[in-house]
């Protein structure tokens, strides 16, 4: 029985949730682990998933301490490329048996492939996606990037938003009078403090969503994965569940394809066709301003924030939104450094 069928049988997820996850993997392409997709959609917690699989399948669970102590002779049996490709980490040798940590211990073809490659009888141990990624970085000296930090080959398309500010590579948007900020408005300094305190990528994205919600009625964070834009975090009146199910080729939303290509933020007005299929999830642009803010990580583009229904004069705050995006880039790099040090 495969992992998805098992989780439905146990009542952990519904058949509809399984079908949604499978469709998302098919749309995005490139395979991917079902458990990771279910976690990404918000249907499961990855640690709970690992613990449940260990209990139900009577399979040992590989804890963080166990993975940190993985035996060098076991590690040597798999190349870094194979470990990264299959997202597995050898743990120990027990005679002819090789214990390997993986996220899906029901993946018989993978176990057979590892047995063939190592010449050992491979036995599975269960570990969360995050723990396996850390173990690969620790023992092979090469970190595994989060899957959503993935540059896509997107074509530059004509934009439909007018007027637009083009960020550092273009002219600033026309100056407009901004309405006075509320007394409890989050400052850039407060945002920076919140970003530095964030424990993971999701918390970082949510901090930016909260910052943008101050001026926009609808906010969506989209991440780039295998050339597709997939829904992640949301704010305001955006349907969070519908956004998590969203996945289209980046080139299918021309205005965002251009943002991903030149990595420059823009603000302005849009028409009903501006957002293409994304409009079915976040709704059509209203009369307020639209902000398109790239999510950047160390010179790469990892996705885009889309904020709609900007309050009166939101264009005047454009430099602040750009600065917020730069703070997120810095925070992502600091978080990566912290994870490296913890290894």
Protein backbone atom coordinates (compact mmCIF):
# COMPACT_ATOMS: atom_id res chain seq x y z
CA UNK A 1 0.00 0.00 0.00
CA UNK A 2 1.41 3.39 -1.00
CA UNK A 3 1.70 6.27 1.41
CA UNK A 4 -1.33 8.19 0.10
CA UNK A 5 -3.68 5.22 0.35
CA UNK A 6 -2.39 4.51 3.84
CA UNK A 7 -3.07 8.04 5.05
CA UNK A 8 -6.59 7.98 3.64
CA UNK A 9 -7.25 4.61 5.27
CA UNK A 10 -6.03 5.97 8.61
CA UNK A 11 -8.24 9.04 8.28
CA UNK A 12 -5.26 11.42 8.35
CA UNK A 13 -6.32 12.98 5.05
CA UNK A 14 -9.47 12.75 2.97
CA UNK A 15 -9.70 11.17 -0.50
CA UNK A 16 -10.32 14.67 -1.86
CA UNK A 17 -7.13 15.98 -0.28
CA UNK A 18 -5.15 13.08 -1.71
CA UNK A 19 -6.61 13.76 -5.17
CA UNK A 20 -5.70 17.45 -4.88
CA UNK A 21 -2.11 16.61 -3.91
CA UNK A 22 -1.75 14.15 -6.77
CA UNK A 23 -3.11 16.69 -9.27
CA UNK A 24 -0.71 19.32 -7.94
CA UNK A 25 2.27 16.98 -8.44
CA UNK A 26 1.08 16.20 -11.97
CA UNK A 27 0.66 19.87 -12.87
CA UNK A 28 4.03 20.91 -11.44
CA UNK A 29 5.83 17.98 -12.98
CA UNK A 30 9.22 16.66 -11.96
CA UNK A 31 7.78 14.03 -9.63
CA UNK A 32 8.23 15.00 -6.02
CA UNK A 33 7.30 13.31 -2.79
CA UNK A 34 3.63 13.05 -1.95
CA UNK A 35 4.21 13.65 1.74
CA UNK A 36 6.01 16.93 1.00
CA UNK A 37 3.14 18.02 -1.25
CA UNK A 38 0.58 17.27 1.48
CA UNK A 39 2.64 19.30 3.95
CA UNK A 40 2.95 22.13 1.42
CA UNK A 41 -0.83 22.19 0.95
CA UNK A 42 -1.31 22.49 4.70
CA UNK A 43 -2.98 19.09 5.09
CA UNK A 44 -0.25 17.62 7.31
CA UNK A 45 2.60 18.57 9.63
CA UNK A 46 5.84 16.92 8.49
CA UNK A 47 6.88 15.80 11.97
CA UNK A 48 3.44 14.35 12.65
CA UNK A 49 3.58 12.58 9.29
CA UNK A 50 6.95 10.98 10.06
CA UNK A 51 5.80 9.85 13.52
CA UNK A 52 2.57 8.42 12.16
CA UNK A 53 4.33 6.44 9.44
CA UNK A 54 6.83 5.05 11.92
CA UNK A 55 4.04 3.87 14.22
CA UNK A 56 1.70 2.48 11.59
CA UNK A 57 4.37 0.75 9.50
CA UNK A 58 6.41 -0.43 12.50
CA UNK A 59 9.40 1.29 10.93
CA UNK A 60 12.15 2.94 12.99
CA UNK A 61 12.04 6.73 13.10
CA UNK A 62 15.30 8.57 12.41
CA UNK A 63 15.51 11.48 14.82
CA UNK A 64 17.73 14.52 14.36
CA UNK A 65 20.25 13.03 16.83
CA UNK A 66 20.24 9.70 14.97
CA UNK A 67 20.91 11.39 11.65
CA UNK A 68 23.66 13.55 13.11
CA UNK A 69 25.46 10.35 14.20
CA UNK A 70 25.15 8.59 10.83
CA UNK A 71 28.08 6.22 10.31
CA UNK A 72 30.74 7.33 7.77
CA UNK A 73 30.94 3.81 6.25
CA UNK A 74 27.20 3.96 5.59
CA UNK A 75 27.37 7.47 4.12
CA UNK A 76 30.15 6.35 1.78
CA UNK A 77 27.86 3.80 0.12
CA UNK A 78 25.78 6.50 -1.60
CA UNK A 79 27.11 9.40 -3.65
CA UNK A 80 25.98 12.96 -2.84
CA UNK A 81 24.17 13.09 -6.19
CA UNK A 82 22.12 9.96 -5.42
CA UNK A 83 21.35 11.11 -1.87
CA UNK A 84 20.09 14.47 -3.14
CA UNK A 85 18.22 13.04 -6.12
CA UNK A 86 16.25 10.58 -4.00
CA UNK A 87 16.26 12.68 -0.83
CA UNK A 88 17.65 9.92 1.38
CA UNK A 89 20.48 9.62 3.88
CA UNK A 90 22.25 6.40 4.92
CA UNK A 91 22.34 5.98 8.70
CA UNK A 92 24.19 2.79 9.65
CA UNK A 93 25.35 -0.63 8.53
CA UNK A 94 24.13 -3.74 10.30
CA UNK A 95 25.97 -6.62 8.66
CA UNK A 96 24.65 -6.75 5.10
CA UNK A 97 21.79 -4.42 5.98
CA UNK A 98 21.99 -0.71 5.25
CA UNK A 99 19.53 1.48 7.15
CA UNK A 100 18.51 4.54 5.14
CA UNK A 101 16.40 7.51 6.28
CA UNK A 102 13.67 8.54 3.83
CA UNK A 103 10.33 10.33 3.89
CA UNK A 104 8.32 7.52 2.27
CA UNK A 105 9.24 4.05 3.56
CA UNK A 106 6.53 2.51 1.34
CA UNK A 107 8.45 3.43 -1.83
CA UNK A 108 9.49 -0.10 -2.83
CA UNK A 109 11.01 0.90 -6.22
CA UNK A 110 13.29 3.38 -4.45
CA UNK A 111 14.37 0.79 -1.90
CA UNK A 112 15.08 -1.67 -4.72
CA UNK A 113 17.14 0.97 -6.55
CA UNK A 114 19.18 1.76 -3.44
CA UNK A 115 19.75 -1.96 -2.88
CA UNK A 116 21.07 -2.27 -6.43
CA UNK A 117 23.33 0.76 -6.09
CA UNK A 118 24.84 -0.20 -2.73
CA UNK A 119 24.88 -3.97 -2.99
CA UNK A 120 23.34 -4.10 0.50
CA UNK A 121 19.93 -5.06 1.82
CA UNK A 122 18.37 -1.63 2.30
CA UNK A 123 16.00 -1.11 5.21
CA UNK A 124 13.99 2.10 5.56
CA UNK A 125 13.89 4.50 8.47
CA UNK A 126 11.32 7.31 8.56
CA UNK A 127 12.38 10.96 8.81
CA UNK A 128 10.79 14.29 7.98
CA UNK A 129 11.69 16.21 4.84
CA UNK A 130 13.53 18.86 6.85
CA UNK A 131 15.62 16.38 8.84
CA UNK A 132 16.70 14.46 5.75
CA UNK A 133 17.70 17.72 4.03
CA UNK A 134 19.80 18.76 7.03
CA UNK A 135 21.46 15.35 7.18
CA UNK A 136 22.41 15.51 3.50
CA UNK A 137 23.99 18.91 4.04
CA UNK A 138 25.80 17.76 7.18
CA UNK A 139 27.30 14.52 5.86
CA UNK A 140 27.86 15.36 2.21
CA UNK A 141 28.94 18.96 2.69
CA UNK A 142 26.36 20.30 0.30
CA UNK A 143 23.11 21.84 1.41
CA UNK A 144 19.88 20.99 -0.31
CA UNK A 145 17.98 24.11 -1.24
CA UNK A 146 14.29 24.36 -0.58
CA UNK A 147 12.52 23.16 -3.71
CA UNK A 148 10.72 26.42 -4.26
CA UNK A 149 14.02 28.30 -4.77
CA UNK A 150 14.11 27.15 -8.35
CA UNK A 151 14.76 29.47 -11.30
CA UNK A 152 12.30 28.95 -14.13
CA UNK A 153 12.87 29.58 -17.81
CA UNK A 154 10.18 32.23 -18.27
CA UNK A 155 9.68 34.46 -21.27
CA UNK A 156 9.34 38.23 -20.97
CA UNK A 157 5.75 39.13 -21.79
CA UNK A 158 3.99 42.42 -22.31
CA UNK A 159 2.59 43.94 -19.12
CA UNK A 160 -0.97 45.10 -18.72
CA UNK A 161 -0.59 47.17 -15.57
CA UNK A 162 -0.46 50.93 -16.09
CA UNK A 163 1.23 52.96 -14.76
CA UNK A 164 4.07 50.88 -13.33
CA UNK A 165 7.05 51.58 -11.15
CA UNK A 166 9.96 49.46 -12.35
CA UNK A 167 12.05 49.34 -9.21
CA UNK A 168 15.82 49.79 -9.28
CA UNK A 169 16.07 49.29 -13.05
CA UNK A 170 13.46 51.87 -13.99
CA UNK A 171 11.83 55.08 -12.92
CA UNK A 172 9.90 55.31 -9.65
CA UNK A 173 6.11 55.43 -9.88
CA UNK A 174 4.39 58.80 -10.07
CA UNK A 175 4.36 60.56 -6.71
CA UNK A 176 0.99 60.44 -5.02
CA UNK A 177 -0.24 61.57 -1.65
CA UNK A 178 -0.50 58.71 0.80
CA UNK A 179 -3.18 58.76 3.45
CA UNK A 180 -1.72 59.08 6.95
CA UNK A 181 -0.46 55.74 8.27
CA UNK A 182 -2.38 54.24 11.20
CA UNK A 183 -0.66 54.72 14.57
CA UNK A 184 -0.05 50.99 14.94
CA UNK A 185 1.47 50.58 11.47
CA UNK A 186 4.40 48.14 11.38
CA UNK A 187 7.59 50.02 10.58
CA UNK A 188 10.43 48.63 8.49
CA UNK A 189 12.46 48.31 11.67
CA UNK A 190 9.70 46.26 13.31
CA UNK A 191 9.45 44.12 10.19
CA UNK A 192 13.20 43.50 10.29
CA UNK A 193 12.98 42.39 13.92
CA UNK A 194 10.13 40.03 13.09
CA UNK A 195 12.06 38.56 10.18
CA UNK A 196 15.15 37.99 12.31
CA UNK A 197 13.02 36.17 14.89
CA UNK A 198 11.42 33.87 12.31
CA UNK A 199 12.27 30.20 12.74
CA UNK A 200 11.55 29.01 9.20
CA UNK A 201 10.71 30.06 5.64
CA UNK A 202 6.95 30.00 6.22
CA UNK A 203 7.26 32.43 9.12
CA UNK A 204 9.35 34.76 6.96
CA UNK A 205 6.77 34.77 4.18
CA UNK A 206 3.93 35.30 6.65
CA UNK A 207 5.73 38.30 8.13
CA UNK A 208 5.88 39.94 4.67
CA UNK A 209 2.24 39.07 4.03
CA UNK A 210 1.30 40.78 7.30
CA UNK A 211 3.36 43.83 6.40
CA UNK A 212 1.64 44.17 3.01
CA UNK A 213 -1.82 43.62 4.54
CA UNK A 214 -1.48 47.02 6.17
CA UNK A 215 -2.02 48.68 2.79
CA UNK A 216 -3.65 46.00 0.62
CA UNK A 217 -6.91 44.14 1.03
CA UNK A 218 -5.74 40.94 -0.69
CA UNK A 219 -2.24 39.44 -0.56
CA UNK A 220 -0.91 36.22 -2.09
CA UNK A 221 2.60 34.75 -1.95
CA UNK A 222 3.50 32.54 -4.92
CA UNK A 223 6.61 30.36 -4.99
CA UNK A 224 8.51 29.16 -8.03
CA UNK A 225 8.83 25.38 -8.28
CA UNK A 226 9.89 23.40 -11.34
CA UNK A 227 8.94 26.28 -13.61
CA UNK A 228 5.49 26.67 -12.03
CA UNK A 229 4.02 29.30 -9.74
CA UNK A 230 2.39 27.59 -6.78
CA UNK A 231 0.29 29.20 -4.08
CA UNK A 232 1.80 29.51 -0.61
CA UNK A 233 0.77 32.11 1.99
CA UNK A 234 -2.15 34.53 1.83
CA UNK A 235 -3.66 37.46 3.64
CA UNK A 236 -6.79 39.58 3.60
CA UNK A 237 -9.80 38.21 1.76
CA UNK A 238 -7.86 35.66 -0.35
CA UNK A 239 -9.14 32.08 0.02
CA UNK A 240 -6.12 30.39 1.63
CA UNK A 241 -7.19 26.85 0.73
CA UNK A 242 -7.82 27.76 -2.92
CA UNK A 243 -4.46 29.53 -3.13
CA UNK A 244 -2.59 26.47 -1.80
CA UNK A 245 -4.14 24.42 -4.62
CA UNK A 246 -3.04 26.92 -7.28
CA UNK A 247 -0.27 25.79 -9.65
CA UNK A 248 0.33 27.02 -13.23
CA UNK A 249 3.28 27.42 -15.58
CA UNK A 250 5.00 30.71 -14.78
CA UNK A 251 4.60 31.79 -18.39
CA UNK A 252 0.83 31.32 -17.98
CA UNK A 253 0.67 34.61 -16.03
CA UNK A 254 2.61 36.98 -18.33
CA UNK A 255 2.73 39.89 -15.91
CA UNK A 256 4.35 37.69 -13.25
CA UNK A 257 6.64 36.05 -15.80
CA UNK A 258 8.16 39.48 -16.46
CA UNK A 259 8.57 40.11 -12.72
CA UNK A 260 10.40 36.80 -12.35
CA UNK A 261 12.59 37.61 -15.31
CA UNK A 262 13.81 41.09 -14.37
CA UNK A 263 13.31 40.79 -10.57
CA UNK A 264 11.94 44.35 -10.39
CA UNK A 265 8.93 45.32 -8.28
CA UNK A 266 6.02 47.17 -9.87
CA UNK A 267 2.93 48.98 -8.68
CA UNK A 268 -0.02 50.30 -10.62
CA UNK A 269 -3.50 49.47 -11.87
CA UNK A 270 -4.71 46.40 -13.71
CA UNK A 271 -7.55 45.02 -15.79
CA UNK A 272 -9.56 41.83 -15.41
CA UNK A 273 -7.08 39.97 -17.64
CA UNK A 274 -3.94 41.18 -15.86
CA UNK A 275 -3.59 38.21 -13.53
CA UNK A 276 -4.83 35.52 -15.91
CA UNK A 277 -5.66 32.24 -14.12
CA UNK A 278 -4.51 33.67 -10.79
CA UNK A 279 -7.52 35.97 -10.93
CA UNK A 280 -9.77 32.92 -10.48
CA UNK A 281 -8.24 32.48 -7.02
CA UNK A 282 -7.52 35.99 -5.75
CA UNK A 283 -10.29 37.72 -7.67
CA UNK A 284 -10.23 40.42 -10.33
CA UNK A 285 -8.28 43.64 -9.70
CA UNK A 286 -10.41 46.39 -8.25
CA UNK A 287 -9.92 50.12 -8.43
CA UNK A 288 -7.06 50.09 -5.94
CA UNK A 289 -3.37 49.68 -6.71
CA UNK A 290 -1.73 46.33 -7.44
CA UNK A 291 1.74 45.58 -6.10
CA UNK A 292 3.95 42.89 -7.66
CA UNK A 293 6.98 42.23 -5.43
CA UNK A 294 9.53 39.54 -6.35
CA UNK A 295 10.73 37.13 -3.66
CA UNK A 296 14.51 37.04 -4.02
CA UNK A 297 17.15 34.85 -2.44
CA UNK A 298 20.86 35.53 -2.96
CA UNK A 299 20.46 36.85 -6.49
CA UNK A 300 17.89 34.27 -7.52
CA UNK A 301 14.15 34.71 -7.84
CA UNK A 302 12.06 32.38 -5.71
CA UNK A 303 8.56 33.68 -6.31
CA UNK A 304 6.40 36.77 -6.12
CA UNK A 305 3.99 38.59 -3.81
CA UNK A 306 0.80 39.84 -5.43
CA UNK A 307 -1.08 42.47 -3.42
CA UNK A 308 -4.38 43.98 -4.56
CA UNK A 309 -6.90 46.59 -3.37
CA UNK A 310 -4.24 49.07 -2.31
CA UNK A 311 -5.50 51.87 -0.09
CA UNK A 312 -5.50 55.45 -1.33
CA UNK A 313 -1.98 56.66 -2.04
CA UNK A 314 -0.34 53.25 -1.71
CA UNK A 315 1.92 54.13 -4.65
CA UNK A 316 3.72 56.64 -2.44
CA UNK A 317 4.86 53.77 -0.21
CA UNK A 318 6.48 51.92 -3.11
CA UNK A 319 10.10 52.43 -1.90
CA UNK A 320 9.08 50.95 1.45
CA UNK A 321 7.70 47.82 -0.20
CA UNK A 322 10.95 47.43 -2.14
CA UNK A 323 12.91 47.81 1.09
CA UNK A 324 10.71 45.14 2.69
CA UNK A 325 11.58 42.77 -0.16
CA UNK A 326 15.29 43.41 0.38
CA UNK A 327 14.89 42.69 4.09
CA UNK A 328 13.23 39.37 3.25
CA UNK A 329 16.16 38.46 0.96
CA UNK A 330 18.59 39.24 3.78
CA UNK A 331 16.52 37.27 6.31
CA UNK A 332 16.41 34.23 4.02
CA UNK A 333 20.19 34.27 3.78
CA UNK A 334 20.57 34.67 7.54
CA UNK A 335 18.20 31.75 8.14
CA UNK A 336 20.22 29.59 5.73
CA UNK A 337 23.39 30.53 7.64
CA UNK A 338 21.76 29.62 10.95
CA UNK A 339 20.73 26.23 9.56
CA UNK A 340 24.28 25.65 8.34
CA UNK A 341 25.73 26.52 11.76
CA UNK A 342 23.29 24.16 13.48
CA UNK A 343 24.65 21.31 11.40
